[in-house]
N, C-alpha and C. Protein backbone atom coordinates (compact mmCIF):
# COMPACT_ATOMS: atom_id res chain seq x y z
N MET A 1 -3.04 -6.32 -25.27
CA MET A 1 -3.69 -7.23 -24.40
C MET A 1 -3.37 -6.80 -22.94
N THR A 2 -4.33 -6.84 -22.06
CA THR A 2 -4.19 -6.43 -20.69
C THR A 2 -3.58 -7.58 -19.83
N MET A 3 -2.66 -7.23 -18.96
CA MET A 3 -2.05 -8.20 -18.07
C MET A 3 -2.18 -7.68 -16.64
N LEU A 4 -2.15 -8.61 -15.71
CA LEU A 4 -2.20 -8.30 -14.28
C LEU A 4 -1.04 -8.96 -13.56
N ALA A 5 -0.51 -8.26 -12.59
CA ALA A 5 0.44 -8.85 -11.59
C ALA A 5 -0.38 -9.00 -10.32
N VAL A 6 -0.55 -10.25 -9.90
CA VAL A 6 -1.42 -10.50 -8.74
C VAL A 6 -0.57 -10.76 -7.49
N PHE A 7 -0.98 -10.11 -6.42
CA PHE A 7 -0.30 -10.19 -5.12
C PHE A 7 -1.33 -10.54 -4.05
N ARG A 8 -0.80 -11.14 -2.97
CA ARG A 8 -1.68 -11.39 -1.82
C ARG A 8 -1.61 -10.24 -0.76
N SER A 9 -0.86 -9.21 -1.07
CA SER A 9 -0.69 -8.09 -0.18
C SER A 9 -0.98 -6.77 -0.93
N ARG A 10 -1.84 -5.99 -0.37
CA ARG A 10 -2.18 -4.69 -0.94
C ARG A 10 -0.93 -3.78 -0.98
N ALA A 11 -0.19 -3.77 0.16
CA ALA A 11 0.98 -2.89 0.26
C ALA A 11 2.01 -3.27 -0.82
N GLN A 12 2.24 -4.52 -1.04
CA GLN A 12 3.19 -4.97 -2.09
C GLN A 12 2.69 -4.63 -3.47
N THR A 13 1.40 -4.74 -3.66
CA THR A 13 0.83 -4.34 -4.97
C THR A 13 1.07 -2.90 -5.29
N LEU A 14 0.82 -2.05 -4.29
CA LEU A 14 0.97 -0.59 -4.48
C LEU A 14 2.50 -0.24 -4.64
N GLU A 15 3.36 -0.95 -3.95
CA GLU A 15 4.79 -0.71 -4.07
C GLU A 15 5.24 -1.11 -5.45
N TYR A 16 4.72 -2.26 -5.98
CA TYR A 16 5.10 -2.73 -7.33
C TYR A 16 4.56 -1.73 -8.38
N ILE A 17 3.40 -1.20 -8.27
CA ILE A 17 2.86 -0.20 -9.20
C ILE A 17 3.76 0.99 -9.21
N SER A 18 4.23 1.44 -8.10
CA SER A 18 5.11 2.60 -8.00
C SER A 18 6.44 2.29 -8.74
N ALA A 19 6.98 1.08 -8.53
CA ALA A 19 8.18 0.68 -9.21
C ALA A 19 8.02 0.59 -10.69
N LEU A 20 6.85 0.11 -11.13
CA LEU A 20 6.57 0.02 -12.58
C LEU A 20 6.58 1.43 -13.18
N LYS A 21 5.87 2.35 -12.51
CA LYS A 21 5.80 3.69 -13.05
C LYS A 21 7.19 4.33 -13.10
N THR A 22 8.01 4.11 -12.11
CA THR A 22 9.39 4.60 -12.10
C THR A 22 10.19 4.02 -13.26
N SER A 23 9.85 2.81 -13.68
CA SER A 23 10.51 2.16 -14.81
C SER A 23 9.89 2.52 -16.17
N GLY A 24 8.90 3.45 -16.16
CA GLY A 24 8.28 3.86 -17.41
C GLY A 24 7.14 3.01 -17.88
N VAL A 25 6.61 2.19 -17.00
CA VAL A 25 5.49 1.32 -17.38
C VAL A 25 4.17 1.94 -16.87
N PRO A 26 3.29 2.32 -17.75
CA PRO A 26 1.98 2.83 -17.31
C PRO A 26 1.20 1.70 -16.61
N ALA A 27 0.91 1.88 -15.35
CA ALA A 27 0.25 0.83 -14.58
C ALA A 27 -0.74 1.48 -13.58
N GLN A 28 -1.72 0.68 -13.23
CA GLN A 28 -2.72 1.16 -12.30
C GLN A 28 -3.23 0.02 -11.41
N ALA A 29 -3.80 0.36 -10.30
CA ALA A 29 -4.40 -0.63 -9.42
C ALA A 29 -5.83 -0.92 -9.92
N VAL A 30 -6.18 -2.19 -9.94
CA VAL A 30 -7.49 -2.64 -10.38
C VAL A 30 -7.95 -3.74 -9.47
N ASN A 31 -9.26 -4.02 -9.44
CA ASN A 31 -9.77 -5.14 -8.68
C ASN A 31 -9.19 -6.46 -9.21
N THR A 32 -8.81 -7.30 -8.31
CA THR A 32 -8.33 -8.63 -8.71
C THR A 32 -9.52 -9.48 -9.10
N PRO A 33 -9.45 -10.13 -10.28
CA PRO A 33 -10.57 -10.94 -10.72
C PRO A 33 -10.70 -12.20 -9.89
N LYS A 34 -11.89 -12.75 -9.79
CA LYS A 34 -12.11 -13.94 -8.96
C LYS A 34 -11.32 -15.14 -9.46
N GLU A 35 -10.98 -15.20 -10.77
CA GLU A 35 -10.18 -16.30 -11.29
C GLU A 35 -8.80 -16.40 -10.67
N ALA A 36 -8.33 -15.32 -10.03
CA ALA A 36 -7.03 -15.30 -9.41
C ALA A 36 -6.96 -16.16 -8.15
N GLY A 37 -8.06 -16.25 -7.45
CA GLY A 37 -8.13 -17.10 -6.27
C GLY A 37 -7.35 -16.56 -5.07
N VAL A 38 -7.13 -15.27 -5.03
CA VAL A 38 -6.42 -14.67 -3.89
C VAL A 38 -7.31 -13.55 -3.29
N GLY A 39 -7.02 -13.21 -2.05
CA GLY A 39 -7.94 -12.35 -1.34
C GLY A 39 -7.54 -10.87 -1.16
N CYS A 40 -6.46 -10.42 -1.73
CA CYS A 40 -6.04 -9.04 -1.44
C CYS A 40 -6.98 -8.04 -2.06
N GLY A 41 -7.54 -8.28 -3.18
CA GLY A 41 -8.51 -7.40 -3.76
C GLY A 41 -8.02 -6.45 -4.83
N ILE A 42 -6.69 -6.16 -4.91
CA ILE A 42 -6.17 -5.33 -5.96
C ILE A 42 -4.99 -5.92 -6.63
N SER A 43 -4.82 -5.64 -7.89
CA SER A 43 -3.71 -6.12 -8.69
C SER A 43 -3.16 -4.96 -9.51
N ALA A 44 -1.96 -5.17 -10.08
CA ALA A 44 -1.33 -4.17 -10.92
C ALA A 44 -1.68 -4.45 -12.36
N ARG A 45 -2.27 -3.53 -13.03
CA ARG A 45 -2.66 -3.74 -14.47
C ARG A 45 -1.71 -2.98 -15.38
N PHE A 46 -1.27 -3.61 -16.48
CA PHE A 46 -0.42 -2.97 -17.47
C PHE A 46 -0.67 -3.67 -18.78
N GLU A 47 -0.18 -3.09 -19.87
CA GLU A 47 -0.35 -3.69 -21.16
C GLU A 47 0.75 -4.70 -21.49
N GLU A 48 0.43 -5.71 -22.23
CA GLU A 48 1.31 -6.82 -22.54
C GLU A 48 2.65 -6.37 -23.17
N THR A 49 2.64 -5.28 -23.90
CA THR A 49 3.88 -4.77 -24.53
C THR A 49 4.91 -4.44 -23.50
N PHE A 50 4.50 -4.14 -22.27
CA PHE A 50 5.44 -3.82 -21.19
C PHE A 50 5.78 -5.03 -20.33
N PHE A 51 5.37 -6.24 -20.72
CA PHE A 51 5.62 -7.41 -19.90
C PHE A 51 7.07 -7.64 -19.59
N PRO A 52 8.02 -7.55 -20.56
CA PRO A 52 9.42 -7.78 -20.25
C PRO A 52 9.93 -6.79 -19.20
N ARG A 53 9.53 -5.52 -19.26
CA ARG A 53 9.93 -4.55 -18.27
C ARG A 53 9.29 -4.86 -16.92
N ALA A 54 8.04 -5.24 -16.94
CA ALA A 54 7.31 -5.57 -15.69
C ALA A 54 7.95 -6.78 -14.98
N ARG A 55 8.34 -7.79 -15.77
CA ARG A 55 9.02 -8.99 -15.19
C ARG A 55 10.37 -8.61 -14.61
N ALA A 56 11.10 -7.76 -15.33
CA ALA A 56 12.41 -7.29 -14.84
C ALA A 56 12.27 -6.52 -13.53
N CYS A 57 11.23 -5.66 -13.49
CA CYS A 57 11.00 -4.90 -12.26
C CYS A 57 10.69 -5.79 -11.11
N LEU A 58 9.95 -6.85 -11.34
CA LEU A 58 9.60 -7.81 -10.25
C LEU A 58 10.86 -8.52 -9.78
N ALA A 59 11.78 -8.86 -10.68
CA ALA A 59 12.97 -9.58 -10.31
C ALA A 59 13.94 -8.77 -9.47
N LYS A 60 13.85 -7.42 -9.56
CA LYS A 60 14.76 -6.57 -8.83
C LYS A 60 14.43 -6.42 -7.35
N ARG A 61 13.23 -6.89 -6.97
CA ARG A 61 12.77 -6.74 -5.57
C ARG A 61 12.27 -8.11 -5.08
N GLN A 62 12.12 -8.21 -3.80
CA GLN A 62 11.61 -9.46 -3.25
C GLN A 62 10.17 -9.25 -2.78
N TYR A 63 9.25 -9.73 -3.57
CA TYR A 63 7.83 -9.66 -3.24
C TYR A 63 7.34 -11.02 -2.80
N SER A 64 7.23 -11.20 -1.50
CA SER A 64 6.87 -12.50 -0.97
C SER A 64 5.41 -12.85 -1.23
N SER A 65 4.57 -11.88 -1.58
CA SER A 65 3.16 -12.13 -1.75
C SER A 65 2.79 -12.25 -3.26
N PHE A 66 3.75 -12.24 -4.13
CA PHE A 66 3.45 -12.33 -5.56
C PHE A 66 2.84 -13.68 -5.91
N SER A 67 1.69 -13.70 -6.58
CA SER A 67 1.00 -14.93 -6.95
C SER A 67 1.29 -15.33 -8.40
N GLY A 68 1.50 -14.35 -9.25
CA GLY A 68 1.75 -14.67 -10.66
C GLY A 68 1.17 -13.60 -11.57
N PHE A 69 1.50 -13.75 -12.83
CA PHE A 69 0.98 -12.87 -13.86
C PHE A 69 -0.22 -13.51 -14.52
N MET A 70 -1.24 -12.67 -14.80
CA MET A 70 -2.45 -13.14 -15.52
C MET A 70 -2.58 -12.35 -16.81
N LYS A 71 -3.19 -12.99 -17.79
CA LYS A 71 -3.41 -12.40 -19.09
C LYS A 71 -4.91 -12.51 -19.44
N ASN A 72 -5.41 -11.45 -20.04
CA ASN A 72 -6.82 -11.45 -20.49
C ASN A 72 -6.88 -12.13 -21.86
N THR A 73 -7.52 -13.26 -21.85
CA THR A 73 -7.74 -14.03 -23.10
C THR A 73 -9.20 -14.39 -23.25
N GLY A 74 -9.81 -13.87 -24.27
CA GLY A 74 -11.23 -14.21 -24.50
C GLY A 74 -12.15 -13.69 -23.44
N GLY A 75 -11.84 -12.49 -22.88
CA GLY A 75 -12.75 -11.92 -21.87
C GLY A 75 -12.57 -12.46 -20.47
N ARG A 76 -11.61 -13.35 -20.27
CA ARG A 76 -11.32 -13.91 -18.95
C ARG A 76 -9.82 -13.84 -18.66
N PHE A 77 -9.50 -13.76 -17.43
CA PHE A 77 -8.11 -13.76 -17.04
C PHE A 77 -7.63 -15.16 -16.68
N GLY A 78 -6.40 -15.50 -17.07
CA GLY A 78 -5.84 -16.80 -16.72
C GLY A 78 -4.36 -16.63 -16.40
N TYR A 79 -3.84 -17.46 -15.48
CA TYR A 79 -2.45 -17.40 -15.14
C TYR A 79 -1.57 -17.83 -16.34
N LEU A 80 -0.41 -17.19 -16.43
CA LEU A 80 0.55 -17.63 -17.48
C LEU A 80 1.23 -18.92 -17.05
């Protein structure tokens, strides 16, 4: 299942993606879905199997613009 880490800052999104890749999590930048309700435009996408590692990576840094994690359920994204 696909998950997103949603940020309000493009710079922090790209920094987080870099940190994920360094931690061995395959991640990429994708358009933020309208369901997120934020305006930055890009989010970090990764697979749910990597969620524990992605959450740990987030906890190691201070991302002031982090909005939350979203999960694709039934063709739509929703916040956890």
